[in-house]
Amino acid sequence: MADHRQHEQQHTPGTERGWGETYWDGRYRERARIWSGSANALLVREASDLAPGRALDLGCGEGGDAIWLARRGWRVTATDISGVALERAAAHAAGAGVGDRVEWERHDLADSFPAGEFDLVSSCFLHTYGEFPRERILRTAASAVAPGGVLLIVGHAGWAPWQDVESMDAPQRTVRFPTPDQVVAELELPEGAWEVLLAAEHERVQDMPDGTPGTRTDNAVKLRRLP
C-alpha cells in the first residue's frame, strides 16, 4: 500500500506468501523512520480513559502506540513481523524513558501469537497483501483479552481516494476491507460474553503522496469482555 505520513500500522504481519518478514525488514532499512512516531489517533481517543494494566500491541512497527501506552503506565507486549522495526522501536522506547515497560516480540501472527491475557489488545491497520488469515488472528486476539478487558480494532474502510487500484497487481487487489459490523460478526464471540462499545466508520485527513491533505475513511470496533 502507499506510504502514509501518519502512524498507521500497515507494517503489520503477513506470511511470506504475501508481504512477510523479508519485505518489511527491507522496507524499514530504506529509511531511518517510516512512520510519524505518534500514536494512532483512535487508540489515543479510545484508550485514554482506561485504567493502565497489561496491553498487547499487534503490529507495533517503530513503537509509537506501545510507547504512548507505556508512558501512561501500561505494561506492554509489542509485536511485529520485522526484527528491524522491533530494534528501532526498542531504541525509541529507551529514548523515551519507558524501555523497561515494554517487551518486544517478533511474531508472524499467521503462525504464532504472544502468550498471556491482556487488559487491552490493540490491532491498528492489520492489513496486508497476499494470503493472510486476518479473521483468525483477530479471533485469537479476542481470546487474549482478560475478563473486563478491551479489544480495539482499527482498520481502513476501503482504498484511499488517491490509490490507483486498477494499476495494482492481482495479489494487491485481494485486500479486504470489512465493515465494522462484519468485523464484529467474524470475531464469532460467544453470545452474552462481550459488550460492543463502538462499531463505526469515521473520516480523517492525512497527507496524500504529493503532500497535500486528503480525506480517508477508516473504521473502529471497540469491545469489552464482560467479567
Protein backbone atom coordinates (compact mmCIF):
# COMPACT_ATOMS: atom_id res chain seq x y z
CA MET A 1 0.00 0.00 0.00
CA ALA A 2 1.04 3.58 -0.39
CA ASP A 3 3.18 5.28 2.23
CA HIS A 4 1.28 7.11 4.96
CA ARG A 5 2.70 10.03 6.88
CA GLN A 6 0.67 9.29 9.98
CA HIS A 7 1.45 6.32 12.19
CA GLU A 8 -0.58 3.58 10.52
CA GLN A 9 0.45 0.03 11.16
CA GLN A 10 0.23 -1.34 7.69
CA HIS A 11 3.61 -2.81 8.51
CA THR A 12 1.55 -5.48 10.25
CA PRO A 13 2.42 -9.12 9.79
CA GLY A 14 1.79 -11.15 6.67
CA THR A 15 3.03 -14.55 5.53
CA GLU A 16 5.97 -14.88 3.19
CA ARG A 17 3.37 -15.74 0.52
CA GLY A 18 2.22 -12.16 0.97
CA TRP A 19 4.26 -9.33 2.43
CA GLY A 20 6.30 -11.04 5.10
CA GLU A 21 9.43 -10.58 7.18
CA THR A 22 11.81 -10.21 4.23
CA TYR A 23 9.73 -7.46 2.67
CA TRP A 24 9.24 -5.49 5.88
CA ASP A 25 12.84 -5.74 7.03
CA GLY A 26 13.87 -4.34 3.66
CA ARG A 27 11.24 -1.63 3.84
CA TYR A 28 12.45 -0.42 7.23
CA ARG A 29 16.06 -0.40 6.09
CA GLU A 30 15.16 2.03 3.29
CA ARG A 31 14.70 4.97 5.69
CA ALA A 32 15.65 5.92 9.23
CA ARG A 33 11.97 6.42 10.07
CA ILE A 34 8.91 5.09 8.23
CA TRP A 35 6.07 6.28 10.48
CA SER A 36 5.42 9.51 12.34
CA GLY A 37 6.30 8.20 15.81
CA SER A 38 2.93 9.38 17.14
CA ALA A 39 0.30 7.02 18.49
CA ASN A 40 -2.71 6.23 16.32
CA ALA A 41 -5.40 8.82 16.97
CA LEU A 42 -8.14 6.24 17.58
CA LEU A 43 -6.03 4.46 20.17
CA VAL A 44 -5.46 7.76 21.96
CA ARG A 45 -9.16 8.57 21.86
CA GLU A 46 -10.42 5.17 22.95
CA ALA A 47 -7.75 4.18 25.49
CA SER A 48 -7.14 7.46 27.31
CA ASP A 49 -9.82 6.75 29.91
CA LEU A 50 -8.80 3.12 30.53
CA ALA A 51 -7.04 2.18 33.75
CA PRO A 52 -3.50 1.02 32.94
CA GLY A 53 -2.84 -2.71 33.09
CA ARG A 54 -1.32 -5.16 30.62
CA ALA A 55 -1.58 -4.24 26.94
CA LEU A 56 -0.84 -6.08 23.72
CA ASP A 57 0.06 -4.07 20.61
CA LEU A 58 -0.28 -6.11 17.41
CA GLY A 59 1.89 -4.81 14.58
CA CYS A 60 3.83 -2.29 16.63
CA GLY A 61 6.20 -1.10 13.91
CA GLU A 62 8.51 1.59 15.25
CA GLY A 63 6.70 1.63 18.58
CA GLY A 64 4.51 4.76 18.57
CA ASP A 65 1.47 3.10 20.15
CA ALA A 66 3.46 0.97 22.59
CA ILE A 67 5.46 3.97 23.82
CA TRP A 68 2.29 6.05 24.28
CA LEU A 69 0.72 3.26 26.34
CA ALA A 70 3.87 2.76 28.41
CA ARG A 71 4.02 6.46 29.19
CA ARG A 72 0.50 6.19 30.58
CA GLY A 73 1.50 3.39 32.94
CA TRP A 74 0.71 0.28 30.89
CA ARG A 75 2.93 -2.78 30.81
CA VAL A 76 3.09 -3.51 27.10
CA THR A 77 3.85 -6.53 24.96
CA ALA A 78 4.50 -5.24 21.46
CA THR A 79 4.87 -7.48 18.44
CA ASP A 80 5.81 -7.09 14.80
CA ILE A 81 6.98 -9.34 11.98
CA SER A 82 10.06 -7.19 11.34
CA GLY A 83 13.09 -7.58 13.56
CA VAL A 84 14.42 -4.31 12.15
CA ALA A 85 11.28 -2.50 13.27
CA LEU A 86 11.47 -4.06 16.72
CA GLU A 87 15.08 -2.98 17.21
CA ARG A 88 14.16 0.54 16.17
CA ALA A 89 11.10 0.57 18.45
CA ALA A 90 13.14 -0.62 21.42
CA ALA A 91 15.62 2.20 20.86
CA HIS A 92 12.79 4.75 20.67
CA ALA A 93 11.27 3.39 23.89
CA ALA A 94 14.61 3.57 25.68
CA GLY A 95 15.00 7.16 24.49
CA ALA A 96 11.53 7.96 25.83
CA GLY A 97 12.44 6.50 29.23
CA VAL A 98 9.94 3.62 29.06
CA GLY A 99 12.12 0.82 27.75
CA ASP A 100 11.59 -1.20 30.92
CA ARG A 101 7.80 -1.14 30.45
CA VAL A 102 7.70 -2.79 27.01
CA GLU A 103 8.53 -6.33 25.93
CA TRP A 104 9.25 -6.63 22.21
CA GLU A 105 8.41 -9.92 20.49
CA ARG A 106 8.80 -10.89 16.86
CA HIS A 107 5.81 -12.80 15.51
CA ASP A 108 4.34 -13.60 12.15
CA LEU A 109 0.81 -13.59 13.53
CA ALA A 110 -0.26 -16.06 10.87
CA ASP A 111 1.98 -18.61 12.63
CA SER A 112 2.46 -17.54 16.25
CA PHE A 113 0.90 -15.26 18.84
CA PRO A 114 2.10 -13.74 22.14
CA ALA A 115 1.19 -15.72 25.23
CA GLY A 116 -0.87 -14.41 28.12
CA GLU A 117 -4.00 -12.40 28.88
CA PHE A 118 -4.23 -8.64 28.49
CA ASP A 119 -6.44 -5.82 29.73
CA LEU A 120 -6.16 -4.14 26.33
CA VAL A 121 -5.47 -5.74 22.96
CA SER A 122 -4.97 -3.20 20.18
CA SER A 123 -4.88 -4.03 16.48
CA CYS A 124 -4.48 -0.97 14.26
CA PHE A 125 -4.50 -1.34 10.47
CA LEU A 126 -3.93 -5.08 10.31
CA HIS A 127 -3.98 -5.24 6.50
CA THR A 128 -1.52 -6.83 4.12
CA TYR A 129 -1.36 -8.26 0.62
CA GLY A 130 -1.49 -11.93 -0.30
CA GLU A 131 -2.67 -14.78 1.86
CA PHE A 132 -3.29 -13.55 5.39
CA PRO A 133 -5.72 -15.05 7.94
CA ARG A 134 -6.83 -11.73 9.40
CA GLU A 135 -10.14 -13.01 10.78
CA ARG A 136 -8.46 -15.93 12.56
CA ILE A 137 -5.80 -13.65 14.01
CA LEU A 138 -8.42 -11.25 15.36
CA ARG A 139 -10.32 -14.15 16.94
CA THR A 140 -7.07 -15.15 18.65
CA ALA A 141 -6.67 -11.54 19.74
CA ALA A 142 -10.15 -11.62 21.30
CA SER A 143 -9.29 -14.80 23.20
CA ALA A 144 -6.27 -13.00 24.70
CA VAL A 145 -8.43 -10.30 26.33
CA ALA A 146 -8.80 -10.75 30.07
CA PRO A 147 -12.26 -10.56 31.68
CA GLY A 148 -13.20 -6.90 31.92
CA GLY A 149 -10.62 -6.02 29.27
CA VAL A 150 -10.97 -4.25 25.94
CA LEU A 151 -10.31 -5.23 22.34
CA LEU A 152 -9.72 -2.34 19.91
CA ILE A 153 -9.61 -2.97 16.16
CA VAL A 154 -8.92 -0.06 13.80
CA GLY A 155 -8.84 -0.54 10.04
CA HIS A 156 -9.36 1.07 6.68
CA ALA A 157 -12.87 1.10 5.24
CA GLY A 158 -11.51 0.94 1.68
CA TRP A 159 -8.77 2.12 -0.61
CA ALA A 160 -7.61 5.70 -0.30
CA PRO A 161 -9.01 8.01 -3.00
CA TRP A 162 -5.52 8.59 -4.40
CA GLN A 163 -4.71 4.88 -4.80
CA ASP A 164 -4.99 3.56 -8.37
CA VAL A 165 -6.50 0.13 -7.78
CA GLU A 166 -6.64 -0.70 -11.48
CA SER A 167 -2.85 -0.45 -11.73
CA MET A 168 -2.28 -2.87 -8.84
CA ASP A 169 -1.37 -6.48 -9.47
CA ALA A 170 -3.82 -9.25 -8.55
CA PRO A 171 -2.46 -10.02 -5.03
CA GLN A 172 -2.69 -6.36 -4.05
CA ARG A 173 -6.32 -6.15 -5.13
CA THR A 174 -7.23 -9.08 -2.85
CA VAL A 175 -7.02 -6.92 0.29
CA ARG A 176 -10.42 -6.96 2.00
CA PHE A 177 -11.84 -4.07 3.99
CA PRO A 178 -14.68 -5.36 6.22
CA THR A 179 -17.31 -3.07 7.69
CA PRO A 180 -17.46 -2.62 11.47
CA ASP A 181 -20.44 -4.99 11.68
CA GLN A 182 -18.56 -7.59 9.65
CA VAL A 183 -15.55 -7.29 11.94
CA VAL A 184 -17.75 -7.97 14.96
CA ALA A 185 -19.53 -10.89 13.28
CA GLU A 186 -16.28 -12.50 12.13
CA LEU A 187 -14.93 -12.50 15.68
CA GLU A 188 -17.55 -15.19 16.44
CA LEU A 189 -17.82 -14.04 20.04
CA PRO A 190 -19.90 -16.09 22.50
CA GLU A 191 -23.34 -14.59 23.00
CA GLY A 192 -23.64 -12.57 26.19
CA ALA A 193 -19.88 -12.57 26.85
CA TRP A 194 -18.96 -9.23 25.23
CA GLU A 195 -20.25 -5.67 25.08
CA VAL A 196 -19.90 -3.67 21.86
CA LEU A 197 -18.77 -0.17 22.85
CA LEU A 198 -18.05 1.15 19.36
CA ALA A 199 -18.59 -0.06 15.79
CA ALA A 200 -18.47 2.84 13.36
CA GLU A 201 -16.77 4.46 10.39
CA HIS A 202 -15.03 7.81 10.61
CA GLU A 203 -13.22 10.18 8.28
CA ARG A 204 -9.84 11.71 8.86
CA VAL A 205 -7.43 13.89 6.95
CA GLN A 206 -3.96 12.68 6.03
CA ASP A 207 -1.28 13.79 3.61
CA MET A 208 -1.51 12.39 0.10
CA PRO A 209 1.66 11.27 -1.74
CA ASP A 210 2.06 14.77 -3.18
CA GLY A 211 1.96 16.28 0.31
CA THR A 212 -1.49 17.84 0.02
CA PRO A 213 -4.22 16.87 2.52
CA GLY A 214 -6.77 14.23 1.58
CA THR A 215 -9.67 12.54 3.32
CA ARG A 216 -9.74 8.82 4.12
CA THR A 217 -12.45 6.68 5.69
CA ASP A 218 -11.48 4.22 8.41
CA ASN A 219 -13.47 2.21 10.91
CA ALA A 220 -13.11 1.16 14.51
CA VAL A 221 -14.51 -1.59 16.70
CA LYS A 222 -14.16 -1.48 20.47
CA LEU A 223 -15.45 -4.31 22.63
CA ARG A 224 -15.30 -5.12 26.31
CA ARG A 225 -15.14 -8.69 27.56
CA LEU A 226 -17.61 -9.00 30.40
CA PRO A 227 -16.21 -10.09 33.77
